[in-house]
Every structure is written in structure tokens, then in C-alpha cells.
């Protein structure tokens, strides 16, 4: 039983690493395409198509969601105004850029809560949240219960599924 659990955890870790590597390659590909394929250089600025700009922002957010990210940073990265970035990002994804960022952070936090025994404070730091209170409020809004309650419920469900 113990070795089986270790093997499962190893496979999960291996899959997570492969997904992260795939994200890196995807981000590099988008950067290279934007720089060489359809980018028009005008002075010091680069102009991308709307879809390329959205893809760049999405990839950046997915890769760096743990870090502090501001709307201004995202807009400057693709040479757009913050208001225009919000508008086109929302048209393409259904979310504003910061909403998308919060969604990724929340999904990552839920994954940590479900799959690890890390303390809440560590999970909050690993997922880019700055405040325990803010994280708990967002989590409760999304999942309907506190992170601790949700974690216990998930563990109980997993334990129930493991029993024959």
C-alpha cells in the first residue's frame, strides 16, 4: 500500500512537471512567433495581432501566476493600454485579465489543498495571494466554504473512494 501511494505521488509529480515544461515551450514559441513572424517593429514598439497579444498575456499569466502581476505590466508587455487590453481579453476569454489570474491562482490553491498537506500560509504564498483574509474570502465565494472545511471534505471523499 505504501509503495503504491509513493508511485502514485511520483506519477502525479512527473505529470505536473511535464505540464510546466509544456507551458514553457508554449510561451517561448509565442514569443518567437511574435518577434519574427508577424510583428511589425515601429521605433522601440512591437505590434501584434489581437490574438497574438491575448495569447502572450495568457501564457505569461499561466507561467507567472505565482508572481505579482499587474494590469499595467500585462498591458505594457503587449504595447496596449490597460483599458483596451481588458476589453479585448474579455472578448476572447470571457474574463478580464486579473479575473483570469485570480481563477488560475484559485485553481492552483484548490489543487494544493486537495493533494498536499502544506499549511494554508505556504499554499497562499505559492499561489501568489498576498493576504490570508483575501484568499479565504475569494475561496469561500468560489467554493462556498472555507479552505480548511473544503480540504477536510475533499479528504473525506478521497478516503471514501479508496475503501473497497
C-alpha atoms as a PDB file:
ATOM      1  CA  UNK A   1       0.000   0.000   0.000  1.00  0.00           C
ATOM      2  CA  UNK A   2       2.771   2.440   0.979  1.00  0.00           C
ATOM      3  CA  UNK A   3       4.775   1.819  -2.213  1.00  0.00           C
ATOM      4  CA  UNK A   4       1.646   2.162  -4.301  1.00  0.00           C
ATOM      5  CA  UNK A   5       0.938   5.588  -2.777  1.00  0.00           C
ATOM      6  CA  UNK A   6       4.539   6.679  -3.380  1.00  0.00           C
ATOM      7  CA  UNK A   7       4.332   5.526  -7.001  1.00  0.00           C
ATOM      8  CA  UNK A   8       1.091   7.458  -7.496  1.00  0.00           C
ATOM      9  CA  UNK A   9       2.595  10.614  -5.991  1.00  0.00           C
ATOM     10  CA  UNK A  10       5.659  10.218  -8.225  1.00  0.00           C
ATOM     11  CA  UNK A  11       3.460   9.884 -11.330  1.00  0.00           C
ATOM     12  CA  UNK A  12       1.444  12.951 -10.314  1.00  0.00           C
ATOM     13  CA  UNK A  13       4.633  14.947  -9.789  1.00  0.00           C
ATOM     14  CA  UNK A  14       6.016  13.746 -13.111  1.00  0.00           C
ATOM     15  CA  UNK A  15       2.816  14.791 -14.919  1.00  0.00           C
ATOM     16  CA  UNK A  16       2.857  18.193 -13.232  1.00  0.00           C
ATOM     17  CA  UNK A  17       6.474  18.728 -14.302  1.00  0.00           C
ATOM     18  CA  UNK A  18       5.692  17.759 -17.882  1.00  0.00           C
ATOM     19  CA  UNK A  19       2.799  20.236 -17.941  1.00  0.00           C
ATOM     20  CA  UNK A  20       5.074  23.006 -16.680  1.00  0.00           C
ATOM     21  CA  UNK A  21       7.691  22.190 -19.330  1.00  0.00           C
ATOM     22  CA  UNK A  22       4.969  22.266 -21.995  1.00  0.00           C
ATOM     23  CA  UNK A  23       3.898  25.712 -20.768  1.00  0.00           C
ATOM     24  CA  UNK A  24       7.481  26.968 -21.049  1.00  0.00           C
ATOM     25  CA  UNK A  25       7.773  25.723 -24.620  1.00  0.00           C
ATOM     26  CA  UNK A  26       4.412  27.241 -25.490  1.00  0.00           C
ATOM     27  CA  UNK A  27       5.460  30.605 -24.061  1.00  0.00           C
ATOM     28  CA  UNK A  28       8.800  30.520 -25.894  1.00  0.00           C
ATOM     29  CA  UNK A  29       7.037  29.607 -29.131  1.00  0.00           C
ATOM     30  CA  UNK A  30       4.632  32.529 -28.816  1.00  0.00           C
ATOM     31  CA  UNK A  31       7.445  34.933 -28.048  1.00  0.00           C
ATOM     32  CA  UNK A  32       9.468  33.760 -31.036  1.00  0.00           C
ATOM     33  CA  UNK A  33       6.466  33.848 -33.350  1.00  0.00           C
ATOM     34  CA  UNK A  34       5.517  37.305 -32.211  1.00  0.00           C
ATOM     35  CA  UNK A  35       9.039  38.584 -32.663  1.00  0.00           C
ATOM     36  CA  UNK A  36       9.774  37.019 -36.032  1.00  0.00           C
ATOM     37  CA  UNK A  37       6.582  36.125 -37.822  1.00  0.00           C
ATOM     38  CA  UNK A  38       4.017  38.879 -37.845  1.00  0.00           C
ATOM     39  CA  UNK A  39       5.474  41.541 -35.602  1.00  0.00           C
ATOM     40  CA  UNK A  40       5.951  44.984 -37.080  1.00  0.00           C
ATOM     41  CA  UNK A  41       8.688  46.959 -35.429  1.00  0.00           C
ATOM     42  CA  UNK A  42       7.966  50.671 -35.204  1.00  0.00           C
ATOM     43  CA  UNK A  43      10.622  52.501 -33.247  1.00  0.00           C
ATOM     44  CA  UNK A  44      11.000  50.639 -29.976  1.00  0.00           C
ATOM     45  CA  UNK A  45       7.493  49.193 -30.017  1.00  0.00           C
ATOM     46  CA  UNK A  46       6.249  45.902 -31.396  1.00  0.00           C
ATOM     47  CA  UNK A  47       2.679  45.463 -32.637  1.00  0.00           C
ATOM     48  CA  UNK A  48       0.977  42.100 -32.526  1.00  0.00           C
ATOM     49  CA  UNK A  49      -2.346  40.951 -33.823  1.00  0.00           C
ATOM     50  CA  UNK A  50      -5.089  40.920 -31.222  1.00  0.00           C
ATOM     51  CA  UNK A  51      -4.955  37.124 -30.949  1.00  0.00           C
ATOM     52  CA  UNK A  52      -1.176  37.135 -30.538  1.00  0.00           C
ATOM     53  CA  UNK A  53      -1.431  39.761 -27.808  1.00  0.00           C
ATOM     54  CA  UNK A  54      -4.085  37.729 -25.981  1.00  0.00           C
ATOM     55  CA  UNK A  55      -2.022  34.533 -26.331  1.00  0.00           C
ATOM     56  CA  UNK A  56       1.066  36.310 -24.988  1.00  0.00           C
ATOM     57  CA  UNK A  57      -0.840  37.616 -21.970  1.00  0.00           C
ATOM     58  CA  UNK A  58      -2.474  34.241 -21.267  1.00  0.00           C
ATOM     59  CA  UNK A  59       0.841  32.413 -21.476  1.00  0.00           C
ATOM     60  CA  UNK A  60       2.535  34.992 -19.279  1.00  0.00           C
ATOM     61  CA  UNK A  61      -0.215  34.727 -16.659  1.00  0.00           C
ATOM     62  CA  UNK A  62      -0.168  30.918 -16.745  1.00  0.00           C
ATOM     63  CA  UNK A  63       3.585  30.827 -16.360  1.00  0.00           C
ATOM     64  CA  UNK A  64       3.935  33.606 -13.766  1.00  0.00           C
ATOM     65  CA  UNK A  65       0.653  33.426 -11.804  1.00  0.00           C
ATOM     66  CA  UNK A  66       2.624  32.917  -8.579  1.00  0.00           C
ATOM     67  CA  UNK A  67       4.316  36.293  -9.000  1.00  0.00           C
ATOM     68  CA  UNK A  68       2.935  39.766  -8.539  1.00  0.00           C
ATOM     69  CA  UNK A  69       1.232  40.678 -11.813  1.00  0.00           C
ATOM     70  CA  UNK A  70      -0.475  43.973 -12.508  1.00  0.00           C
ATOM     71  CA  UNK A  71      -2.731  45.038 -15.336  1.00  0.00           C
ATOM     72  CA  UNK A  72      -0.195  47.729 -16.216  1.00  0.00           C
ATOM     73  CA  UNK A  73       2.571  45.129 -16.543  1.00  0.00           C
ATOM     74  CA  UNK A  74       0.432  42.979 -18.832  1.00  0.00           C
ATOM     75  CA  UNK A  75      -0.624  45.931 -20.981  1.00  0.00           C
ATOM     76  CA  UNK A  76       2.938  47.228 -21.341  1.00  0.00           C
ATOM     77  CA  UNK A  77       4.131  43.761 -22.315  1.00  0.00           C
ATOM     78  CA  UNK A  78       1.953  43.840 -25.453  1.00  0.00           C
ATOM     79  CA  UNK A  79       2.042  47.619 -26.007  1.00  0.00           C
ATOM     80  CA  UNK A  80      -1.653  48.181 -25.323  1.00  0.00           C
ATOM     81  CA  UNK A  81      -3.479  50.458 -22.937  1.00  0.00           C
ATOM     82  CA  UNK A  82      -4.862  48.710 -19.848  1.00  0.00           C
ATOM     83  CA  UNK A  83      -8.463  49.524 -20.794  1.00  0.00           C
ATOM     84  CA  UNK A  84      -8.041  48.180 -24.335  1.00  0.00           C
ATOM     85  CA  UNK A  85      -6.348  45.028 -23.012  1.00  0.00           C
ATOM     86  CA  UNK A  86      -9.252  44.419 -20.628  1.00  0.00           C
ATOM     87  CA  UNK A  87     -11.746  44.828 -23.461  1.00  0.00           C
ATOM     88  CA  UNK A  88     -10.078  42.502 -25.979  1.00  0.00           C
ATOM     89  CA  UNK A  89      -9.063  39.959 -23.338  1.00  0.00           C
ATOM     90  CA  UNK A  90     -12.641  39.757 -22.093  1.00  0.00           C
ATOM     91  CA  UNK A  91     -13.956  39.417 -25.669  1.00  0.00           C
ATOM     92  CA  UNK A  92     -11.653  36.437 -26.259  1.00  0.00           C
ATOM     93  CA  UNK A  93     -11.768  34.690 -22.876  1.00  0.00           C
ATOM     94  CA  UNK A  94     -14.873  35.895 -21.085  1.00  0.00           C
ATOM     95  CA  UNK A  95     -12.700  37.211 -18.241  1.00  0.00           C
ATOM     96  CA  UNK A  96     -10.777  40.372 -17.516  1.00  0.00           C
ATOM     97  CA  UNK A  97      -7.022  39.639 -17.244  1.00  0.00           C
ATOM     98  CA  UNK A  98      -6.958  39.970 -13.453  1.00  0.00           C
ATOM     99  CA  UNK A  99     -10.076  37.769 -13.134  1.00  0.00           C
ATOM    100  CA  UNK A 100      -8.293  35.149 -15.238  1.00  0.00           C
ATOM    101  CA  UNK A 101      -5.232  35.448 -12.990  1.00  0.00           C
ATOM    102  CA  UNK A 102      -7.356  35.016  -9.850  1.00  0.00           C
ATOM    103  CA  UNK A 103      -9.071  31.984 -11.391  1.00  0.00           C
ATOM    104  CA  UNK A 104      -5.705  30.323 -12.081  1.00  0.00           C
ATOM    105  CA  UNK A 105      -4.472  31.115  -8.588  1.00  0.00           C
ATOM    106  CA  UNK A 106      -7.652  29.762  -7.036  1.00  0.00           C
ATOM    107  CA  UNK A 107      -7.474  26.540  -9.079  1.00  0.00           C
ATOM    108  CA  UNK A 108      -3.833  26.066  -8.068  1.00  0.00           C
ATOM    109  CA  UNK A 109      -4.678  26.689  -4.411  1.00  0.00           C
ATOM    110  CA  UNK A 110      -7.526  24.161  -4.550  1.00  0.00           C
ATOM    111  CA  UNK A 111      -5.155  21.628  -6.084  1.00  0.00           C
ATOM    112  CA  UNK A 112      -2.599  22.190  -3.309  1.00  0.00           C
ATOM    113  CA  UNK A 113      -5.320  21.898  -0.667  1.00  0.00           C
ATOM    114  CA  UNK A 114      -6.610  18.674  -2.154  1.00  0.00           C
ATOM    115  CA  UNK A 115      -3.308  16.960  -2.924  1.00  0.00           C
ATOM    116  CA  UNK A 116      -0.866  18.139  -0.252  1.00  0.00           C
ATOM    117  CA  UNK A 117      -0.596  18.657   3.476  1.00  0.00           C
ATOM    118  CA  UNK A 118       1.017  22.058   3.065  1.00  0.00           C
ATOM    119  CA  UNK A 119      -0.070  24.654   5.608  1.00  0.00           C
ATOM    120  CA  UNK A 120      -2.507  27.282   4.368  1.00  0.00           C
ATOM    121  CA  UNK A 121       0.090  30.060   4.654  1.00  0.00           C
ATOM    122  CA  UNK A 122       2.508  28.181   2.361  1.00  0.00           C
ATOM    123  CA  UNK A 123      -0.237  27.493  -0.189  1.00  0.00           C
ATOM    124  CA  UNK A 124      -1.207  31.153  -0.183  1.00  0.00           C
ATOM    125  CA  UNK A 125       2.411  32.173  -0.833  1.00  0.00           C
ATOM    126  CA  UNK A 126       2.884  29.543  -3.559  1.00  0.00           C
ATOM    127  CA  UNK A 127      -0.194  30.721  -5.431  1.00  0.00           C
ATOM    128  CA  UNK A 128       0.530  34.439  -5.408  1.00  0.00           C
ATOM    129  CA  UNK A 129      -2.025  35.664  -2.903  1.00  0.00           C
ATOM    130  CA  UNK A 130      -0.822  38.487  -0.663  1.00  0.00           C
ATOM    131  CA  UNK A 131      -3.285  38.140   2.176  1.00  0.00           C
ATOM    132  CA  UNK A 132      -4.774  35.222   4.089  1.00  0.00           C
ATOM    133  CA  UNK A 133      -8.039  37.099   4.571  1.00  0.00           C
ATOM    134  CA  UNK A 134      -8.331  37.990   0.879  1.00  0.00           C
ATOM    135  CA  UNK A 135      -7.603  34.403  -0.161  1.00  0.00           C
ATOM    136  CA  UNK A 136     -10.124  32.966   2.309  1.00  0.00           C
ATOM    137  CA  UNK A 137     -12.818  35.403   1.159  1.00  0.00           C
ATOM    138  CA  UNK A 138     -12.251  34.578  -2.543  1.00  0.00           C
ATOM    139  CA  UNK A 139     -12.104  30.856  -1.796  1.00  0.00           C
ATOM    140  CA  UNK A 140     -15.363  30.921   0.146  1.00  0.00           C
ATOM    141  CA  UNK A 141     -17.040  32.922  -2.632  1.00  0.00           C
ATOM    142  CA  UNK A 142     -15.979  30.335  -5.212  1.00  0.00           C
ATOM    143  CA  UNK A 143     -16.380  27.073  -3.266  1.00  0.00           C
ATOM    144  CA  UNK A 144     -18.999  28.019  -0.682  1.00  0.00           C
ATOM    145  CA  UNK A 145     -16.878  27.079   2.331  1.00  0.00           C
ATOM    146  CA  UNK A 146     -13.599  27.978   3.971  1.00  0.00           C
ATOM    147  CA  UNK A 147     -10.374  26.460   2.586  1.00  0.00           C
ATOM    148  CA  UNK A 148      -9.969  24.315   5.717  1.00  0.00           C
ATOM    149  CA  UNK A 149     -13.517  22.967   5.511  1.00  0.00           C
ATOM    150  CA  UNK A 150     -13.144  22.309   1.786  1.00  0.00           C
ATOM    151  CA  UNK A 151      -9.859  20.442   2.353  1.00  0.00           C
ATOM    152  CA  UNK A 152     -11.420  18.208   5.026  1.00  0.00           C
ATOM    153  CA  UNK A 153     -14.389  17.474   2.762  1.00  0.00           C
ATOM    154  CA  UNK A 154     -12.092  16.556  -0.156  1.00  0.00           C
ATOM    155  CA  UNK A 155     -10.012  14.291   2.092  1.00  0.00           C
ATOM    156  CA  UNK A 156     -13.146  12.556   3.346  1.00  0.00           C
ATOM    157  CA  UNK A 157     -14.290  11.988  -0.252  1.00  0.00           C
ATOM    158  CA  UNK A 158     -10.870  10.599  -1.235  1.00  0.00           C
ATOM    159  CA  UNK A 159     -10.819   8.322   1.795  1.00  0.00           C
ATOM    160  CA  UNK A 160     -14.308   7.096   0.946  1.00  0.00           C
ATOM    161  CA  UNK A 161     -13.265   6.341  -2.664  1.00  0.00           C
ATOM    162  CA  UNK A 162     -10.173   4.401  -1.538  1.00  0.00           C
ATOM    163  CA  UNK A 163     -12.198   1.997   0.601  1.00  0.00           C
ATOM    164  CA  UNK A 164     -13.460  -1.027  -1.335  1.00  0.00           C
END
